[in-house]
C-alpha atoms as a PDB file:
ATOM      1  CA  MET A   1       9.467  38.473  16.124  1.00  0.00           C
ATOM      2  CA  LYS A   2      10.281  36.073  18.856  1.00  0.00           C
ATOM      3  CA  ARG A   3       7.385  34.124  20.482  1.00  0.00           C
ATOM      4  CA  THR A   4       7.524  32.204  23.746  1.00  0.00           C
ATOM      5  CA  THR A   5       5.183  29.445  24.781  1.00  0.00           C
ATOM      6  CA  ASP A   6       3.385  29.656  28.176  1.00  0.00           C
ATOM      7  CA  PHE A   7       2.329  26.457  29.950  1.00  0.00           C
ATOM      8  CA  PRO A   8      -0.735  27.377  31.979  1.00  0.00           C
ATOM      9  CA  GLU A   9      -1.471  25.562  35.161  1.00  0.00           C
ATOM     10  CA  ASN A  10      -4.675  24.208  33.792  1.00  0.00           C
ATOM     11  CA  SER A  11      -2.780  22.431  31.196  1.00  0.00           C
ATOM     12  CA  VAL A  12      -1.869  19.587  33.778  1.00  0.00           C
ATOM     13  CA  SER A  13      -4.848  16.984  33.894  1.00  0.00           C
ATOM     14  CA  SER A  14      -6.065  16.391  37.243  1.00  0.00           C
ATOM     15  CA  ASP A  15      -6.981  12.893  35.951  1.00  0.00           C
ATOM     16  CA  ARG A  16      -3.606  11.166  35.949  1.00  0.00           C
ATOM     17  CA  GLY A  17      -2.964   9.019  32.855  1.00  0.00           C
ATOM     18  CA  LYS A  18      -5.240  10.942  30.521  1.00  0.00           C
ATOM     19  CA  PRO A  19      -3.636  13.408  27.978  1.00  0.00           C
ATOM     20  CA  SER A  20      -4.592  16.916  28.436  1.00  0.00           C
ATOM     21  CA  HIS A  21      -5.330  19.404  25.566  1.00  0.00           C
ATOM     22  CA  THR A  22      -5.577  23.009  26.267  1.00  0.00           C
ATOM     23  CA  SER A  23      -4.929  24.887  23.216  1.00  0.00           C
ATOM     24  CA  CYS A  24      -4.075  24.513  19.469  1.00  0.00           C
ATOM     25  CA  ALA A  25      -0.548  24.824  18.112  1.00  0.00           C
ATOM     26  CA  HIS A  26      -0.446  27.427  15.395  1.00  0.00           C
ATOM     27  CA  VAL A  27       1.813  27.351  12.281  1.00  0.00           C
ATOM     28  CA  GLY A  28       0.963  30.952  11.488  1.00  0.00           C
ATOM     29  CA  PHE A  29      -0.283  33.754  13.548  1.00  0.00           C
ATOM     30  CA  PRO A  30      -1.927  33.410  17.000  1.00  0.00           C
ATOM     31  CA  SER A  31      -5.687  32.777  16.809  1.00  0.00           C
ATOM     32  CA  PRO A  32      -8.474  34.610  18.799  1.00  0.00           C
ATOM     33  CA  ALA A  33      -9.788  31.014  19.422  1.00  0.00           C
ATOM     34  CA  ASP A  34      -6.994  30.599  22.075  1.00  0.00           C
ATOM     35  CA  ASP A  35      -9.482  32.331  24.435  1.00  0.00           C
ATOM     36  CA  TYR A  36     -11.517  29.083  24.329  1.00  0.00           C
ATOM     37  CA  LEU A  37      -9.272  26.349  25.674  1.00  0.00           C
ATOM     38  CA  GLU A  38     -10.246  22.603  25.615  1.00  0.00           C
ATOM     39  CA  GLY A  39     -10.226  20.099  28.516  1.00  0.00           C
ATOM     40  CA  ALA A  40      -9.039  16.466  28.354  1.00  0.00           C
ATOM     41  CA  LEU A  41      -8.600  15.000  24.912  1.00  0.00           C
ATOM     42  CA  ASP A  42     -10.153  11.670  24.216  1.00  0.00           C
ATOM     43  CA  LEU A  43      -8.949  10.132  20.965  1.00  0.00           C
ATOM     44  CA  ASN A  44     -11.860   7.786  20.822  1.00  0.00           C
ATOM     45  CA  LYS A  45     -14.225  10.704  20.638  1.00  0.00           C
ATOM     46  CA  LEU A  46     -12.098  12.586  18.326  1.00  0.00           C
ATOM     47  CA  LEU A  47     -11.523   9.716  15.739  1.00  0.00           C
ATOM     48  CA  VAL A  48     -14.406   7.170  16.301  1.00  0.00           C
ATOM     49  CA  ASN A  49     -17.917   8.044  14.916  1.00  0.00           C
ATOM     50  CA  ASN A  50     -19.274   4.542  15.452  1.00  0.00           C
ATOM     51  CA  PRO A  51     -17.574   2.654  18.169  1.00  0.00           C
ATOM     52  CA  PRO A  52     -19.339  -0.830  17.411  1.00  0.00           C
ATOM     53  CA  ALA A  53     -18.373  -0.643  13.790  1.00  0.00           C
ATOM     54  CA  THR A  54     -14.852   0.724  14.158  1.00  0.00           C
ATOM     55  CA  PHE A  55     -11.448  -1.324  14.290  1.00  0.00           C
ATOM     56  CA  PHE A  56      -7.801  -0.347  14.211  1.00  0.00           C
ATOM     57  CA  LEU A  57      -5.449  -1.816  11.801  1.00  0.00           C
ATOM     58  CA  ARG A  58      -1.658  -1.674  11.958  1.00  0.00           C
ATOM     59  CA  ILE A  59      -0.091  -0.873   8.452  1.00  0.00           C
ATOM     60  CA  LYS A  60       2.723  -2.664   6.973  1.00  0.00           C
ATOM     61  CA  GLY A  61       4.062  -1.826   3.561  1.00  0.00           C
ATOM     62  CA  ASP A  62       4.530   1.346   1.490  1.00  0.00           C
ATOM     63  CA  SER A  63       1.816   1.095  -1.372  1.00  0.00           C
ATOM     64  CA  MET A  64      -0.187   3.950   0.277  1.00  0.00           C
ATOM     65  CA  ASN A  65       2.606   6.337   1.259  1.00  0.00           C
ATOM     66  CA  GLY A  66       1.119   9.032  -1.133  1.00  0.00           C
ATOM     67  CA  ALA A  67      -2.052   9.087   0.956  1.00  0.00           C
ATOM     68  CA  GLY A  68       0.115   9.665   4.155  1.00  0.00           C
ATOM     69  CA  ILE A  69      -0.221   5.986   5.191  1.00  0.00           C
ATOM     70  CA  HIS A  70       3.016   4.455   6.096  1.00  0.00           C
ATOM     71  CA  THR A  71       4.454   1.200   7.784  1.00  0.00           C
ATOM     72  CA  ASP A  72       3.577   0.928  11.404  1.00  0.00           C
ATOM     73  CA  ASP A  73       0.795   3.554  11.202  1.00  0.00           C
ATOM     74  CA  LEU A  74      -2.545   2.803  12.980  1.00  0.00           C
ATOM     75  CA  LEU A  75      -5.568   3.023  10.525  1.00  0.00           C
ATOM     76  CA  VAL A  76      -9.009   3.907  11.898  1.00  0.00           C
ATOM     77  CA  VAL A  77     -11.478   1.737   9.947  1.00  0.00           C
ATOM     78  CA  ASP A  78     -15.196   2.232  10.099  1.00  0.00           C
ATOM     79  CA  ARG A  79     -17.430  -0.739   8.702  1.00  0.00           C
ATOM     80  CA  SER A  80     -20.526   1.434   8.805  1.00  0.00           C
ATOM     81  CA  VAL A  81     -19.378   3.918   6.162  1.00  0.00           C
ATOM     82  CA  SER A  82     -20.344   2.840   2.615  1.00  0.00           C
ATOM     83  CA  PRO A  83     -17.400   2.634   0.299  1.00  0.00           C
ATOM     84  CA  THR A  84     -17.548   5.014  -2.699  1.00  0.00           C
ATOM     85  CA  HIS A  85     -15.285   5.852  -5.459  1.00  0.00           C
ATOM     86  CA  ASN A  86     -11.970   7.055  -4.158  1.00  0.00           C
ATOM     87  CA  SER A  87     -12.391   5.845  -0.666  1.00  0.00           C
ATOM     88  CA  ILE A  88      -9.337   4.321   1.105  1.00  0.00           C
ATOM     89  CA  VAL A  89     -10.677   0.797   2.024  1.00  0.00           C
ATOM     90  CA  VAL A  90      -9.565  -2.166   3.943  1.00  0.00           C
ATOM     91  CA  ALA A  91     -10.510  -5.096   1.482  1.00  0.00           C
ATOM     92  CA  MET A  92     -10.073  -8.863   1.486  1.00  0.00           C
ATOM     93  CA  LEU A  93      -9.031  -9.963  -2.098  1.00  0.00           C
ATOM     94  CA  ASN A  94      -8.660 -13.601  -2.643  1.00  0.00           C
ATOM     95  CA  GLY A  95      -7.750 -14.211   0.952  1.00  0.00           C
ATOM     96  CA  THR A  96      -5.265 -11.348   1.270  1.00  0.00           C
ATOM     97  CA  LEU A  97      -6.065  -8.280   3.370  1.00  0.00           C
ATOM     98  CA  THR A  98      -5.055  -4.990   1.709  1.00  0.00           C
ATOM     99  CA  VAL A  99      -5.498  -1.204   1.992  1.00  0.00           C
ATOM    100  CA  LYS A 100      -5.938   0.629  -1.245  1.00  0.00           C
ATOM    101  CA  ARG A 101      -8.081   3.462  -2.753  1.00  0.00           C
ATOM    102  CA  LEU A 102     -11.291   2.100  -4.221  1.00  0.00           C
ATOM    103  CA  TRP A 103     -11.738   3.000  -8.041  1.00  0.00           C
ATOM    104  CA  GLN A 104     -15.331   2.478  -9.435  1.00  0.00           C
ATOM    105  CA  LYS A 105     -16.145   3.436 -12.876  1.00  0.00           C
ATOM    106  CA  ASN A 106     -18.460   2.175 -15.723  1.00  0.00           C
ATOM    107  CA  GLY A 107     -19.147  -0.996 -13.821  1.00  0.00           C
ATOM    108  CA  ARG A 108     -15.465  -1.769 -13.281  1.00  0.00           C
ATOM    109  CA  VAL A 109     -13.721  -1.826  -9.917  1.00  0.00           C
ATOM    110  CA  ALA A 110     -10.048  -1.673  -9.043  1.00  0.00           C
ATOM    111  CA  LEU A 111      -7.759  -1.188  -6.110  1.00  0.00           C
ATOM    112  CA  MET A 112      -5.395   1.745  -6.677  1.00  0.00           C
ATOM    113  CA  PRO A 113      -2.085   2.168  -4.783  1.00  0.00           C
ATOM    114  CA  ASP A 114      -1.045   5.665  -3.736  1.00  0.00           C
ATOM    115  CA  ASN A 115       2.583   4.893  -4.729  1.00  0.00           C
ATOM    116  CA  PRO A 116       3.823   4.980  -8.325  1.00  0.00           C
ATOM    117  CA  GLU A 117       5.923   1.902  -7.811  1.00  0.00           C
ATOM    118  CA  TYR A 118       2.784  -0.268  -7.436  1.00  0.00           C
ATOM    119  CA  LYS A 119       0.304  -1.157 -10.141  1.00  0.00           C
ATOM    120  CA  PRO A 120      -3.550  -0.946  -9.819  1.00  0.00           C
ATOM    121  CA  VAL A 121      -5.409  -4.319  -9.288  1.00  0.00           C
ATOM    122  CA  GLU A 122      -8.415  -4.791 -11.232  1.00  0.00           C
ATOM    123  CA  VAL A 123     -11.230  -6.711  -9.420  1.00  0.00           C
ATOM    124  CA  THR A 124     -13.093  -9.144 -11.655  1.00  0.00           C
ATOM    125  CA  HIS A 125     -16.199 -11.103 -10.974  1.00  0.00           C
ATOM    126  CA  ASN A 126     -14.113 -14.184 -10.682  1.00  0.00           C
ATOM    127  CA  GLU A 127     -12.362 -13.027  -7.606  1.00  0.00           C
ATOM    128  CA  ASN A 128     -13.166 -13.343  -3.949  1.00  0.00           C
ATOM    129  CA  PHE A 129     -13.535  -9.651  -2.928  1.00  0.00           C
ATOM    130  CA  GLU A 130     -14.958  -8.031   0.119  1.00  0.00           C
ATOM    131  CA  VAL A 131     -14.707  -4.512   1.592  1.00  0.00           C
ATOM    132  CA  TRP A 132     -14.205  -4.691   5.270  1.00  0.00           C
ATOM    133  CA  GLY A 133     -14.442  -0.984   5.990  1.00  0.00           C
ATOM    134  CA  VAL A 134     -13.591   2.437   5.081  1.00  0.00           C
ATOM    135  CA  ALA A 135     -10.426   4.160   6.450  1.00  0.00           C
ATOM    136  CA  THR A 136     -11.472   7.488   8.340  1.00  0.00           C
ATOM    137  CA  SER A 137      -8.198   8.381  10.017  1.00  0.00           C
ATOM    138  CA  VAL A 138      -4.602   7.522  10.305  1.00  0.00           C
ATOM    139  CA  ILE A 139      -2.336   7.858  13.278  1.00  0.00           C
ATOM    140  CA  HIS A 140       1.493   7.850  12.920  1.00  0.00           C
ATOM    141  CA  ALA A 141       4.499   8.859  14.859  1.00  0.00           C
ATOM    142  CA  LEU A 142       6.782  11.711  13.660  1.00  0.00           C
ATOM    143  CA  ARG A 143       9.600   9.942  15.270  1.00  0.00           C
ATOM    144  CA  LYS A 144      10.315   6.207  15.187  1.00  0.00           C
ATOM    145  CA  LYS A 145      10.714   4.434  18.640  1.00  0.00           C
ATOM    146  CA  LYS A 146      14.403   3.258  19.458  1.00  0.00           C
END
């Protein structure tokens, strides 16, 4: 079955410069929800729950590729979210900023990469360690800029 895509006139935003979102893209069959179209899309409203406590961090490195976090991605980090076991956190460890999965069990703490090429880092009481925030979203391009 061949399907075509229509571009309704209301998909053009009257507020130039702001992206417009009018429907969902389906990977399967059409949805009855298509009858309820949305207006302008505001990524801050979509991705940021607590603006004063949120910051964005550009990622460098591949230790979190298994979590879908890649070099040049933009990580949305919320300082107001309490880190829990298995949260992806931005942490300062001995003066180095890192993004890893927080592992907490039986009074022990470790920072776990999501790439088998990297080893976990156990955090001891002798180290300078602070969680700066919990990652809540990641934004990445599907195509690299030329």
